[in-house]
Amino acid sequence: MAEPIVLEERKGLWIEEQLLRQARLGERFRVVVEPGEIRILPERTVATTLPYGATEDEARTALAEVREEVTALYGGQAPPPDQPYFGGLTWREYQDLSEEERRALWDRIYADFAVGIETVEERDVRPDALVAG
């Protein structure tokens, strides 16, 4: 672990460019102020398209349905902040991951459930058949 650097506040706070590059925050970053701490984090990028070609209305509807189901699981309350989310992380820990770390986490999660389409047996069904499950 690197040696901590103590910054002194003198009519504002100046952080040397070298330190910002060393932190690999990118060109743009955001400052999060909470009681007892100030964090400088990479700016989150916002996707310009939604997965599966969904419209914004469809995505909002799906999100509302998921929220309703999750809060029902917790008796109408939001899940506790220290509740493990997925991959053993809490929601806050997940939010603090870099985009690269999130991608790696999702790759590990999906690898557990990966089934190649070529390994699924194809079967003929009647035209009025319903999907079970």
C-alpha atoms as a PDB file:
ATOM      1  CA  MET A   1       0.000   0.000   0.000  1.00  0.00           C
ATOM      2  CA  ALA A   2       1.271   3.464  -0.871  1.00  0.00           C
ATOM      3  CA  GLU A   3       2.390   5.886   1.810  1.00  0.00           C
ATOM      4  CA  PRO A   4      -0.505   8.222   2.717  1.00  0.00           C
ATOM      5  CA  ILE A   5      -0.108  11.846   1.653  1.00  0.00           C
ATOM      6  CA  VAL A   6      -1.439  14.533   3.984  1.00  0.00           C
ATOM      7  CA  LEU A   7      -2.990  17.510   2.215  1.00  0.00           C
ATOM      8  CA  GLU A   8      -3.349  20.843   3.981  1.00  0.00           C
ATOM      9  CA  GLU A   9      -6.326  23.086   3.343  1.00  0.00           C
ATOM     10  CA  ARG A  10      -5.380  26.690   2.623  1.00  0.00           C
ATOM     11  CA  LYS A  11      -8.301  28.642   1.161  1.00  0.00           C
ATOM     12  CA  GLY A  12      -9.373  25.570  -0.752  1.00  0.00           C
ATOM     13  CA  LEU A  13      -7.684  22.305  -1.529  1.00  0.00           C
ATOM     14  CA  TRP A  14      -5.164  21.762  -4.308  1.00  0.00           C
ATOM     15  CA  ILE A  15      -4.333  18.224  -5.454  1.00  0.00           C
ATOM     16  CA  GLU A  16      -1.308  17.883  -7.691  1.00  0.00           C
ATOM     17  CA  GLU A  17      -1.917  16.573 -11.212  1.00  0.00           C
ATOM     18  CA  GLN A  18       0.568  13.739 -10.590  1.00  0.00           C
ATOM     19  CA  LEU A  19      -1.568  12.435  -7.702  1.00  0.00           C
ATOM     20  CA  LEU A  20      -4.741  12.537  -9.794  1.00  0.00           C
ATOM     21  CA  ARG A  21      -3.004  10.615 -12.612  1.00  0.00           C
ATOM     22  CA  GLN A  22      -1.645   8.094 -10.117  1.00  0.00           C
ATOM     23  CA  ALA A  23      -5.196   7.490  -8.844  1.00  0.00           C
ATOM     24  CA  ARG A  24      -6.324   6.749 -12.431  1.00  0.00           C
ATOM     25  CA  LEU A  25      -9.598   8.627 -12.062  1.00  0.00           C
ATOM     26  CA  GLY A  26      -9.706   9.541 -15.736  1.00  0.00           C
ATOM     27  CA  GLU A  27     -10.255  12.975 -17.229  1.00  0.00           C
ATOM     28  CA  ARG A  28     -13.440  13.671 -15.278  1.00  0.00           C
ATOM     29  CA  PHE A  29     -14.300  12.739 -11.722  1.00  0.00           C
ATOM     30  CA  ARG A  30     -16.880  13.455  -9.070  1.00  0.00           C
ATOM     31  CA  VAL A  31     -16.510  14.517  -5.463  1.00  0.00           C
ATOM     32  CA  VAL A  32     -18.679  12.824  -2.840  1.00  0.00           C
ATOM     33  CA  VAL A  33     -18.973  14.651   0.479  1.00  0.00           C
ATOM     34  CA  GLU A  34     -20.224  12.741   3.512  1.00  0.00           C
ATOM     35  CA  PRO A  35     -19.854  13.356   7.249  1.00  0.00           C
ATOM     36  CA  GLY A  36     -16.194  12.864   8.132  1.00  0.00           C
ATOM     37  CA  GLU A  37     -14.998  12.168   4.591  1.00  0.00           C
ATOM     38  CA  ILE A  38     -14.568  13.524   1.092  1.00  0.00           C
ATOM     39  CA  ARG A  39     -14.096  10.987  -1.716  1.00  0.00           C
ATOM     40  CA  ILE A  40     -12.922  11.667  -5.249  1.00  0.00           C
ATOM     41  CA  LEU A  41     -14.260   9.023  -7.634  1.00  0.00           C
ATOM     42  CA  PRO A  42     -14.249   8.422 -11.375  1.00  0.00           C
ATOM     43  CA  GLU A  43     -17.234   9.974 -13.114  1.00  0.00           C
ATOM     44  CA  ARG A  44     -19.801   7.309 -13.847  1.00  0.00           C
ATOM     45  CA  THR A  45     -20.662   6.939 -17.452  1.00  0.00           C
ATOM     46  CA  VAL A  46     -24.315   6.780 -18.402  1.00  0.00           C
ATOM     47  CA  ALA A  47     -25.361   4.335 -21.088  1.00  0.00           C
ATOM     48  CA  THR A  48     -26.996   5.970 -24.066  1.00  0.00           C
ATOM     49  CA  THR A  49     -28.819   2.788 -25.066  1.00  0.00           C
ATOM     50  CA  LEU A  50     -30.760   0.303 -23.001  1.00  0.00           C
ATOM     51  CA  PRO A  51     -30.224  -3.474 -23.096  1.00  0.00           C
ATOM     52  CA  TYR A  52     -32.388  -5.619 -25.377  1.00  0.00           C
ATOM     53  CA  GLY A  53     -33.518  -2.554 -27.324  1.00  0.00           C
ATOM     54  CA  ALA A  54     -35.913  -1.557 -24.535  1.00  0.00           C
ATOM     55  CA  THR A  55     -37.486   1.874 -24.582  1.00  0.00           C
ATOM     56  CA  GLU A  56     -37.177   4.194 -21.579  1.00  0.00           C
ATOM     57  CA  ASP A  57     -40.826   3.537 -20.681  1.00  0.00           C
ATOM     58  CA  GLU A  58     -40.276  -0.236 -20.808  1.00  0.00           C
ATOM     59  CA  ALA A  59     -37.149   0.080 -18.668  1.00  0.00           C
ATOM     60  CA  ARG A  60     -38.980   2.253 -16.088  1.00  0.00           C
ATOM     61  CA  THR A  61     -41.852  -0.244 -15.953  1.00  0.00           C
ATOM     62  CA  ALA A  62     -39.455  -3.184 -15.503  1.00  0.00           C
ATOM     63  CA  LEU A  63     -37.509  -1.319 -12.803  1.00  0.00           C
ATOM     64  CA  ALA A  64     -40.716  -0.463 -10.928  1.00  0.00           C
ATOM     65  CA  GLU A  65     -41.797  -4.126 -11.028  1.00  0.00           C
ATOM     66  CA  VAL A  66     -38.423  -5.309  -9.727  1.00  0.00           C
ATOM     67  CA  ARG A  67     -38.446  -2.661  -6.963  1.00  0.00           C
ATOM     68  CA  GLU A  68     -41.919  -3.801  -5.917  1.00  0.00           C
ATOM     69  CA  GLU A  69     -40.850  -7.454  -5.802  1.00  0.00           C
ATOM     70  CA  VAL A  70     -37.666  -6.708  -3.833  1.00  0.00           C
ATOM     71  CA  THR A  71     -39.388  -4.486  -1.279  1.00  0.00           C
ATOM     72  CA  ALA A  72     -42.063  -7.181  -0.850  1.00  0.00           C
ATOM     73  CA  LEU A  73     -39.279  -9.625   0.054  1.00  0.00           C
ATOM     74  CA  TYR A  74     -38.247  -7.257   2.862  1.00  0.00           C
ATOM     75  CA  GLY A  75     -41.730  -6.596   4.221  1.00  0.00           C
ATOM     76  CA  GLY A  76     -42.290  -3.392   2.253  1.00  0.00           C
ATOM     77  CA  GLN A  77     -38.916  -1.919   3.290  1.00  0.00           C
ATOM     78  CA  ALA A  78     -35.781  -1.353   1.255  1.00  0.00           C
ATOM     79  CA  PRO A  79     -33.115  -4.040   1.801  1.00  0.00           C
ATOM     80  CA  PRO A  80     -30.726  -3.153   4.655  1.00  0.00           C
ATOM     81  CA  PRO A  81     -27.597  -1.301   3.442  1.00  0.00           C
ATOM     82  CA  ASP A  82     -25.310  -3.943   4.984  1.00  0.00           C
ATOM     83  CA  GLN A  83     -27.174  -6.783   3.260  1.00  0.00           C
ATOM     84  CA  PRO A  84     -24.909  -8.632   0.811  1.00  0.00           C
ATOM     85  CA  TYR A  85     -26.042  -7.835  -2.705  1.00  0.00           C
ATOM     86  CA  PHE A  86     -24.404 -10.202  -5.168  1.00  0.00           C
ATOM     87  CA  GLY A  87     -20.886 -11.467  -5.337  1.00  0.00           C
ATOM     88  CA  GLY A  88     -20.845 -11.041  -1.544  1.00  0.00           C
ATOM     89  CA  LEU A  89     -20.814  -7.226  -1.795  1.00  0.00           C
ATOM     90  CA  THR A  90     -23.147  -4.709  -0.218  1.00  0.00           C
ATOM     91  CA  TRP A  91     -24.863  -2.161  -2.485  1.00  0.00           C
ATOM     92  CA  ARG A  92     -22.375   0.551  -1.437  1.00  0.00           C
ATOM     93  CA  GLU A  93     -19.399  -1.713  -2.108  1.00  0.00           C
ATOM     94  CA  TYR A  94     -20.846  -2.570  -5.517  1.00  0.00           C
ATOM     95  CA  GLN A  95     -21.358   1.133  -6.335  1.00  0.00           C
ATOM     96  CA  ASP A  96     -17.723   1.839  -5.431  1.00  0.00           C
ATOM     97  CA  LEU A  97     -16.388  -0.717  -7.944  1.00  0.00           C
ATOM     98  CA  SER A  98     -14.797   0.571 -11.119  1.00  0.00           C
ATOM     99  CA  GLU A  99     -16.490  -0.305 -14.416  1.00  0.00           C
ATOM    100  CA  GLU A 100     -13.744  -2.874 -15.035  1.00  0.00           C
ATOM    101  CA  GLU A 101     -14.272  -4.495 -11.600  1.00  0.00           C
ATOM    102  CA  ARG A 102     -18.053  -4.617 -12.185  1.00  0.00           C
ATOM    103  CA  ARG A 103     -17.553  -6.254 -15.567  1.00  0.00           C
ATOM    104  CA  ALA A 104     -15.262  -8.872 -13.971  1.00  0.00           C
ATOM    105  CA  LEU A 105     -17.834  -9.534 -11.225  1.00  0.00           C
ATOM    106  CA  TRP A 106     -20.640 -10.002 -13.755  1.00  0.00           C
ATOM    107  CA  ASP A 107     -18.404 -12.259 -15.874  1.00  0.00           C
ATOM    108  CA  ARG A 108     -17.831 -14.471 -12.804  1.00  0.00           C
ATOM    109  CA  ILE A 109     -21.559 -14.518 -11.975  1.00  0.00           C
ATOM    110  CA  TYR A 110     -22.600 -15.304 -15.555  1.00  0.00           C
ATOM    111  CA  ALA A 111     -19.912 -17.988 -15.854  1.00  0.00           C
ATOM    112  CA  ASP A 112     -21.714 -19.956 -13.119  1.00  0.00           C
ATOM    113  CA  PHE A 113     -24.908 -19.979 -15.183  1.00  0.00           C
ATOM    114  CA  ALA A 114     -23.450 -20.126 -18.667  1.00  0.00           C
ATOM    115  CA  VAL A 115     -25.088 -22.758 -20.850  1.00  0.00           C
ATOM    116  CA  GLY A 116     -24.070 -22.832 -24.461  1.00  0.00           C
ATOM    117  CA  ILE A 117     -27.087 -22.722 -26.752  1.00  0.00           C
ATOM    118  CA  GLU A 118     -25.602 -25.593 -28.721  1.00  0.00           C
ATOM    119  CA  THR A 119     -25.797 -27.836 -25.621  1.00  0.00           C
ATOM    120  CA  VAL A 120     -29.566 -27.382 -25.218  1.00  0.00           C
ATOM    121  CA  GLU A 121     -31.548 -30.191 -26.805  1.00  0.00           C
ATOM    122  CA  GLU A 122     -34.001 -29.007 -29.451  1.00  0.00           C
ATOM    123  CA  ARG A 123     -37.513 -30.475 -29.383  1.00  0.00           C
ATOM    124  CA  ASP A 124     -40.606 -30.028 -31.489  1.00  0.00           C
ATOM    125  CA  VAL A 125     -43.701 -28.777 -29.655  1.00  0.00           C
ATOM    126  CA  ARG A 126     -47.344 -28.216 -30.529  1.00  0.00           C
ATOM    127  CA  PRO A 127     -48.215 -24.672 -31.723  1.00  0.00           C
ATOM    128  CA  ASP A 128     -50.382 -24.082 -28.620  1.00  0.00           C
ATOM    129  CA  ALA A 129     -47.653 -25.155 -26.127  1.00  0.00           C
ATOM    130  CA  LEU A 130     -46.915 -22.826 -23.179  1.00  0.00           C
ATOM    131  CA  VAL A 131     -43.534 -22.214 -21.575  1.00  0.00           C
ATOM    132  CA  ALA A 132     -43.351 -23.721 -18.065  1.00  0.00           C
ATOM    133  CA  GLY A 133     -41.836 -21.827 -15.211  1.00  0.00           C
END
